[in-house]
C-alpha cells in the first residue's frame, strides 16, 4: 500500500506496514532574490526502517519515495537551506518532520 505525506503532515506521525511505500511531496522555492534555488539537507543514515527508493523535483515540488524495509520507528527530518548559503542553523529556512512507525502488518 502507498501512503502519502505533504507539508500539512509536518510534525505528525504515521503508521505503515512492512513492505509499504511512503511518498512525501514538499514544495520548494525555485526563484529567490540573490539565490539560484533552494534545496534540502537530508540525513537518513540512521534509518533502519525506511529505504529511499527515488527522489525527484518538478514544478516546485520535491517528491521522495521510501520503502518500509524493517519494523521500527524512524523520524524523517528534512531541513531546507538556500543553495548558496552555508548550511548552518541560522540559514535554515524551514524544517519538515514526520515520525513513521513500521509494523509487521
Protein backbone atom coordinates (compact mmCIF):
# COMPACT_ATOMS: atom_id res chain seq x y z
CA UNK A 1 0.00 0.00 0.00
CA UNK A 2 1.24 3.50 -0.76
CA UNK A 3 0.91 6.24 1.85
CA UNK A 4 1.22 9.94 1.09
CA UNK A 5 2.51 12.82 3.17
CA UNK A 6 2.95 16.50 2.42
CA UNK A 7 3.69 19.76 4.24
CA UNK A 8 0.37 19.60 6.09
CA UNK A 9 1.60 16.44 7.87
CA UNK A 10 4.56 18.31 9.39
CA UNK A 11 5.12 17.24 12.98
CA UNK A 12 2.69 14.34 12.78
CA UNK A 13 3.07 10.58 12.99
CA UNK A 14 2.08 7.88 10.51
CA UNK A 15 1.87 4.10 10.83
CA UNK A 16 2.66 1.91 7.83
CA UNK A 17 3.22 -1.80 7.31
CA UNK A 18 6.36 -3.64 6.30
CA UNK A 19 6.67 -3.51 2.51
CA UNK A 20 4.51 -0.39 2.16
CA UNK A 21 5.73 2.70 0.38
CA UNK A 22 5.62 6.27 1.64
CA UNK A 23 5.60 9.19 -0.80
CA UNK A 24 6.48 12.63 0.57
CA UNK A 25 5.74 15.72 -1.55
CA UNK A 26 7.18 19.04 -0.38
CA UNK A 27 7.15 22.42 -2.14
CA UNK A 28 10.35 24.37 -2.63
CA UNK A 29 11.16 27.83 -3.94
CA UNK A 30 12.64 27.93 -7.43
CA UNK A 31 13.31 31.67 -7.55
CA UNK A 32 14.61 33.64 -4.60
CA UNK A 33 16.32 37.05 -4.92
CA UNK A 34 20.07 36.55 -4.65
CA UNK A 35 19.79 32.78 -4.76
CA UNK A 36 19.57 30.22 -7.56
CA UNK A 37 17.19 27.80 -5.86
CA UNK A 38 16.51 26.06 -2.59
CA UNK A 39 17.44 22.56 -1.64
CA UNK A 40 17.03 20.16 1.25
CA UNK A 41 19.64 18.66 3.51
CA UNK A 42 18.72 15.05 4.18
CA UNK A 43 20.23 12.61 6.63
CA UNK A 44 18.66 9.18 6.61
CA UNK A 45 21.84 7.30 7.52
CA UNK A 46 20.34 6.45 10.91
CA UNK A 47 17.23 4.86 9.41
CA UNK A 48 16.84 1.13 9.82
CA UNK A 49 13.16 1.19 8.82
CA UNK A 50 12.96 3.16 5.58
CA UNK A 51 14.92 2.97 2.36
CA UNK A 52 14.80 5.94 -0.02
CA UNK A 53 13.76 4.46 -3.35
CA UNK A 54 13.55 7.56 -5.51
CA UNK A 55 13.78 11.32 -5.38
CA UNK A 56 12.81 13.94 -7.89
CA UNK A 57 11.84 17.58 -8.30
CA UNK A 58 9.47 19.15 -10.80
CA UNK A 59 7.40 22.33 -10.97
CA UNK A 60 8.34 23.46 -7.47
CA UNK A 61 7.58 20.14 -5.77
CA UNK A 62 10.14 17.67 -4.48
CA UNK A 63 8.94 14.06 -4.35
CA UNK A 64 10.67 11.41 -2.27
CA UNK A 65 9.58 7.79 -2.15
CA UNK A 66 10.53 5.46 0.69
CA UNK A 67 10.10 1.71 1.13
CA UNK A 68 9.49 0.23 4.59
CA UNK A 69 12.18 -2.43 4.91
CA UNK A 70 12.23 -3.20 8.64
CA UNK A 71 9.96 -2.96 11.67
CA UNK A 72 10.54 0.03 13.93
CA UNK A 73 10.11 3.78 14.26
CA UNK A 74 12.09 6.48 12.48
CA UNK A 75 11.85 10.26 12.34
CA UNK A 76 12.14 11.75 8.86
CA UNK A 77 13.62 15.23 9.13
CA UNK A 78 14.21 17.49 6.15
CA UNK A 79 15.95 20.83 6.58
CA UNK A 80 15.68 23.45 3.88
CA UNK A 81 18.64 25.72 3.09
CA UNK A 82 19.47 28.32 0.48
CA UNK A 83 21.71 26.71 -2.11
CA UNK A 84 24.39 29.40 -2.00
CA UNK A 85 24.35 29.82 1.78
CA UNK A 86 26.42 27.95 4.32
CA UNK A 87 24.44 25.16 5.90
CA UNK A 88 24.24 26.48 9.42
CA UNK A 89 21.39 26.66 11.90
CA UNK A 90 20.93 30.37 11.17
CA UNK A 91 20.40 29.64 7.46
CA UNK A 92 17.67 27.06 7.94
CA UNK A 93 14.53 28.35 6.26
CA UNK A 94 12.21 25.56 7.27
CA UNK A 95 12.03 22.02 8.54
CA UNK A 96 9.76 19.08 7.90
CA UNK A 97 9.44 16.28 10.43
CA UNK A 98 7.40 13.12 10.25
CA UNK A 99 7.58 10.17 12.65
CA UNK A 100 7.00 6.88 10.83
CA UNK A 101 6.29 3.61 12.63
CA UNK A 102 6.63 0.45 10.54
CA UNK A 103 4.70 -2.58 11.79
CA UNK A 104 4.55 -6.19 10.59
CA UNK A 105 1.01 -5.82 9.24
